[in-house]
Amino acid sequence: VVEDMDGRIDMVIDGGDIPIGVESTIVDCTVEPPMLLRPGYITAEMLSEVLGEVAQDQTMMHGDTKEHPKAPGMKYRHYAPKGDVTIYTGALEKVVERICELSVRQCAAGKKVGIIATDESAEEYGRMVPGAIVKSAGTRTNEETIARHLYQILREFDDEEVEVIYSEAFDESGIGQAIMNRLLKAAGHHVEQA
């Protein structure tokens, strides 16, 4: 990001790593009930504890709607890595099997492949697809670890000039909603069933 600003700004102050890793939560409090426009670290469940009923902008997680999102950067490919990203949903063992199959094919074709894995699956990808760059975002038992590392992994794949990126999908509740929102925007909503 700093390289992109070279010559355009006087300085950048680095405040160090932050423990969150996903975008900020945006809530529209000018409507009744308040509406979640962009999921982030503060989850819909947290907001409901304080505000009561909280509606959700339906464009937030679905790229196939004709409606325009109320928050900027929500619907289209946004803050995306240079490589093509595809997210795979389904039972984890089927997802791992499908990503391995596709990764082996892409590596054989000479493509630089990156896999966004979790602590639970990274070792298997490394064993099955030795030619791919496998990065664990964290553990499914604590999705905050995934939220914390996801954006960093996407940037690292850019630095490593990865051309094709495969990612497992995550549960869309709690912090998982923000994780999936970030991934969906990076993938241009390209999601496949395993």
Protein backbone atom coordinates (compact mmCIF):
# COMPACT_ATOMS: atom_id res chain seq x y z
CA VAL A 1 0.00 0.00 0.00
CA VAL A 2 2.81 2.40 0.90
CA GLU A 3 4.46 1.81 -2.49
CA ASP A 4 1.17 2.84 -4.17
CA MET A 5 1.42 6.24 -2.44
CA ASP A 6 5.03 6.98 -3.42
CA GLY A 7 5.29 10.64 -4.42
CA ARG A 8 1.61 11.28 -3.68
CA ILE A 9 1.84 11.87 0.08
CA ASP A 10 4.50 13.28 2.38
CA MET A 11 4.66 10.41 4.87
CA VAL A 12 3.01 7.31 6.28
CA ILE A 13 2.94 6.66 10.01
CA ASP A 14 3.04 2.94 10.79
CA GLY A 15 1.05 2.24 13.93
CA GLY A 16 2.01 -1.44 13.86
CA ASP A 17 -0.11 -4.51 13.52
CA ILE A 18 -3.73 -4.36 14.61
CA PRO A 19 -5.50 -7.36 16.13
CA ILE A 20 -8.62 -7.10 13.96
CA GLY A 21 -7.57 -7.53 10.32
CA VAL A 22 -10.97 -6.98 8.66
CA GLU A 23 -12.69 -3.80 7.61
CA SER A 24 -14.61 -1.61 10.03
CA THR A 25 -18.28 -2.25 10.69
CA ILE A 26 -20.67 0.29 9.13
CA VAL A 27 -24.16 0.76 10.60
CA ASP A 28 -26.87 3.10 9.30
CA CYS A 29 -28.63 4.51 12.35
CA THR A 30 -30.79 6.89 10.29
CA VAL A 31 -33.27 4.08 9.56
CA GLU A 32 -35.49 1.99 11.82
CA PRO A 33 -34.38 -0.61 12.70
CA PRO A 34 -30.68 0.28 12.34
CA MET A 35 -29.12 -1.44 9.31
CA LEU A 36 -25.78 -3.21 9.09
CA LEU A 37 -24.20 -1.98 5.85
CA ARG A 38 -20.77 -3.61 6.14
CA PRO A 39 -19.81 -6.41 8.53
CA GLY A 40 -16.61 -6.04 10.49
CA TYR A 41 -15.12 -6.90 13.85
CA ILE A 42 -18.25 -5.64 15.60
CA THR A 43 -20.66 -8.38 14.57
CA ALA A 44 -24.42 -8.27 13.90
CA GLU A 45 -24.87 -10.27 17.11
CA MET A 46 -22.93 -7.68 19.13
CA LEU A 47 -24.99 -4.87 17.61
CA SER A 48 -28.25 -6.68 18.43
CA GLU A 49 -27.24 -6.92 22.09
CA VAL A 50 -27.02 -3.12 22.25
CA LEU A 51 -29.50 -1.92 19.62
CA GLY A 52 -32.11 -4.66 19.62
CA GLU A 53 -33.27 -5.56 16.12
CA VAL A 54 -30.68 -4.85 13.42
CA ALA A 55 -31.53 -5.20 9.74
CA GLN A 56 -28.90 -6.16 7.18
CA ASP A 57 -28.33 -4.62 3.77
CA GLN A 58 -29.08 -7.55 1.44
CA THR A 59 -26.44 -6.41 -1.04
CA MET A 60 -23.77 -6.98 1.61
CA MET A 61 -23.07 -10.65 0.88
CA HIS A 62 -24.68 -11.19 -2.52
CA GLY A 63 -23.04 -9.97 -5.71
CA ASP A 64 -25.93 -11.06 -7.91
CA THR A 65 -28.43 -8.44 -6.77
CA LYS A 66 -29.31 -5.48 -8.99
CA GLU A 67 -29.62 -3.19 -5.95
CA HIS A 68 -26.82 -0.78 -5.12
CA PRO A 69 -25.23 -1.18 -1.69
CA LYS A 70 -25.51 1.74 0.71
CA ALA A 71 -21.84 1.53 1.78
CA PRO A 72 -19.03 2.11 -0.76
CA GLY A 73 -16.91 -0.79 -1.98
CA MET A 74 -19.41 -3.44 -0.98
CA LYS A 75 -20.69 -5.08 -4.13
CA TYR A 76 -17.88 -5.31 -6.62
CA ARG A 77 -14.35 -6.72 -6.62
CA HIS A 78 -12.66 -4.51 -4.06
CA TYR A 79 -9.25 -4.50 -2.33
CA ALA A 80 -8.57 -7.61 -4.37
CA PRO A 81 -5.28 -9.36 -4.99
CA LYS A 82 -3.91 -9.52 -8.53
CA GLY A 83 -4.48 -13.29 -8.75
CA ASP A 84 -7.88 -14.77 -9.55
CA VAL A 85 -9.65 -15.84 -6.34
CA THR A 86 -12.22 -18.63 -6.10
CA ILE A 87 -13.96 -19.61 -2.86
CA TYR A 88 -15.14 -23.20 -2.35
CA THR A 89 -18.11 -24.07 -0.14
CA GLY A 90 -19.35 -27.41 1.15
CA ALA A 91 -18.15 -30.08 3.55
CA LEU A 92 -14.53 -29.33 4.48
CA GLU A 93 -13.17 -32.68 3.26
CA LYS A 94 -14.84 -32.16 -0.15
CA VAL A 95 -13.54 -28.58 -0.31
CA VAL A 96 -9.98 -29.71 0.45
CA GLU A 97 -10.25 -32.49 -2.14
CA ARG A 98 -11.54 -30.09 -4.84
CA ILE A 99 -8.96 -27.37 -4.10
CA CYS A 100 -6.16 -29.98 -4.19
CA GLU A 101 -7.40 -31.35 -7.52
CA LEU A 102 -7.58 -27.90 -9.13
CA SER A 103 -4.29 -26.75 -7.62
CA VAL A 104 -2.41 -29.78 -8.95
CA ARG A 105 -3.82 -29.04 -12.44
CA GLN A 106 -2.91 -25.33 -12.26
CA CYS A 107 0.61 -26.06 -10.98
CA ALA A 108 1.13 -28.59 -13.80
CA ALA A 109 0.07 -25.86 -16.26
CA GLY A 110 2.82 -23.62 -14.88
CA LYS A 111 0.59 -21.31 -12.81
CA LYS A 112 1.67 -19.97 -9.44
CA VAL A 113 -1.05 -21.18 -7.03
CA GLY A 114 -1.91 -19.90 -3.57
CA ILE A 115 -4.22 -21.65 -1.12
CA ILE A 116 -5.88 -19.93 1.83
CA ALA A 117 -6.16 -22.71 4.36
CA THR A 118 -6.75 -23.06 8.08
CA ASP A 119 -4.70 -24.75 10.78
CA GLU A 120 -7.03 -27.73 10.33
CA SER A 121 -6.31 -28.17 6.60
CA ALA A 122 -2.93 -26.58 5.78
CA GLU A 123 -0.85 -29.71 6.32
CA GLU A 124 -3.00 -31.74 3.93
CA TYR A 125 -2.72 -29.10 1.18
CA GLY A 126 1.05 -28.99 1.68
CA ARG A 127 1.23 -32.78 1.35
CA MET A 128 -1.15 -33.06 -1.62
CA VAL A 129 -0.01 -29.98 -3.58
CA PRO A 130 3.70 -29.43 -2.92
CA GLY A 131 3.92 -26.87 -5.76
CA ALA A 132 1.37 -24.49 -4.21
CA ILE A 133 1.96 -21.73 -1.68
CA VAL A 134 -0.21 -22.71 1.28
CA LYS A 135 -0.96 -20.16 3.99
CA SER A 136 -3.00 -20.83 7.10
CA ALA A 137 -5.16 -17.88 8.09
CA GLY A 138 -5.77 -19.35 11.55
CA THR A 139 -8.03 -21.86 13.21
CA ARG A 140 -11.73 -22.53 12.67
CA THR A 141 -12.11 -22.85 16.44
CA ASN A 142 -11.26 -19.14 16.78
CA GLU A 143 -12.26 -17.28 13.61
CA GLU A 144 -10.80 -14.04 14.99
CA THR A 145 -7.41 -15.52 14.06
CA ILE A 146 -8.64 -15.90 10.48
CA ALA A 147 -9.97 -12.32 10.40
CA ARG A 148 -6.61 -11.10 11.74
CA HIS A 149 -4.53 -12.78 9.01
CA LEU A 150 -6.73 -12.81 5.91
CA TYR A 151 -5.86 -9.39 4.46
CA GLN A 152 -2.16 -9.97 5.16
CA ILE A 153 -2.29 -13.26 3.23
CA LEU A 154 -3.95 -11.61 0.24
CA ARG A 155 -1.20 -8.96 0.19
CA GLU A 156 1.54 -11.61 0.54
CA PHE A 157 0.11 -13.48 -2.45
CA ASP A 158 0.47 -10.24 -4.44
CA ASP A 159 4.10 -9.88 -3.30
CA GLU A 160 4.73 -13.50 -4.33
CA GLU A 161 3.02 -12.92 -7.72
CA VAL A 162 0.46 -15.68 -7.18
CA GLU A 163 -1.80 -16.03 -10.24
CA VAL A 164 -4.54 -18.35 -8.94
CA ILE A 165 -5.89 -18.34 -5.38
CA TYR A 166 -8.25 -20.91 -3.86
CA SER A 167 -9.89 -20.41 -0.49
CA GLU A 168 -12.14 -22.39 1.77
CA ALA A 169 -15.42 -20.69 2.70
CA PHE A 170 -16.25 -19.80 6.29
CA ASP A 171 -19.38 -19.71 8.41
CA GLU A 172 -21.26 -16.46 7.76
CA SER A 173 -22.22 -15.80 11.38
CA GLY A 174 -20.34 -13.70 13.92
CA ILE A 175 -16.91 -12.58 12.72
CA GLY A 176 -17.26 -15.12 9.89
CA GLN A 177 -19.63 -12.71 8.17
CA ALA A 178 -16.85 -10.10 7.94
CA ILE A 179 -14.36 -12.75 6.80
CA MET A 180 -16.67 -13.94 4.03
CA ASN A 181 -17.51 -10.35 3.03
CA ARG A 182 -13.77 -9.63 2.62
CA LEU A 183 -13.23 -12.87 0.68
CA LEU A 184 -16.28 -12.37 -1.54
CA LYS A 185 -15.08 -8.90 -2.56
CA ALA A 186 -11.58 -10.24 -3.23
CA ALA A 187 -13.09 -13.02 -5.38
CA GLY A 188 -15.57 -10.80 -7.19
CA HIS A 189 -18.22 -13.12 -5.65
CA HIS A 190 -16.76 -16.13 -7.50
CA VAL A 191 -17.98 -18.99 -5.30
CA GLU A 192 -18.14 -22.67 -6.30
CA GLN A 193 -19.67 -25.69 -4.57
CA ALA A 194 -17.15 -28.48 -3.91
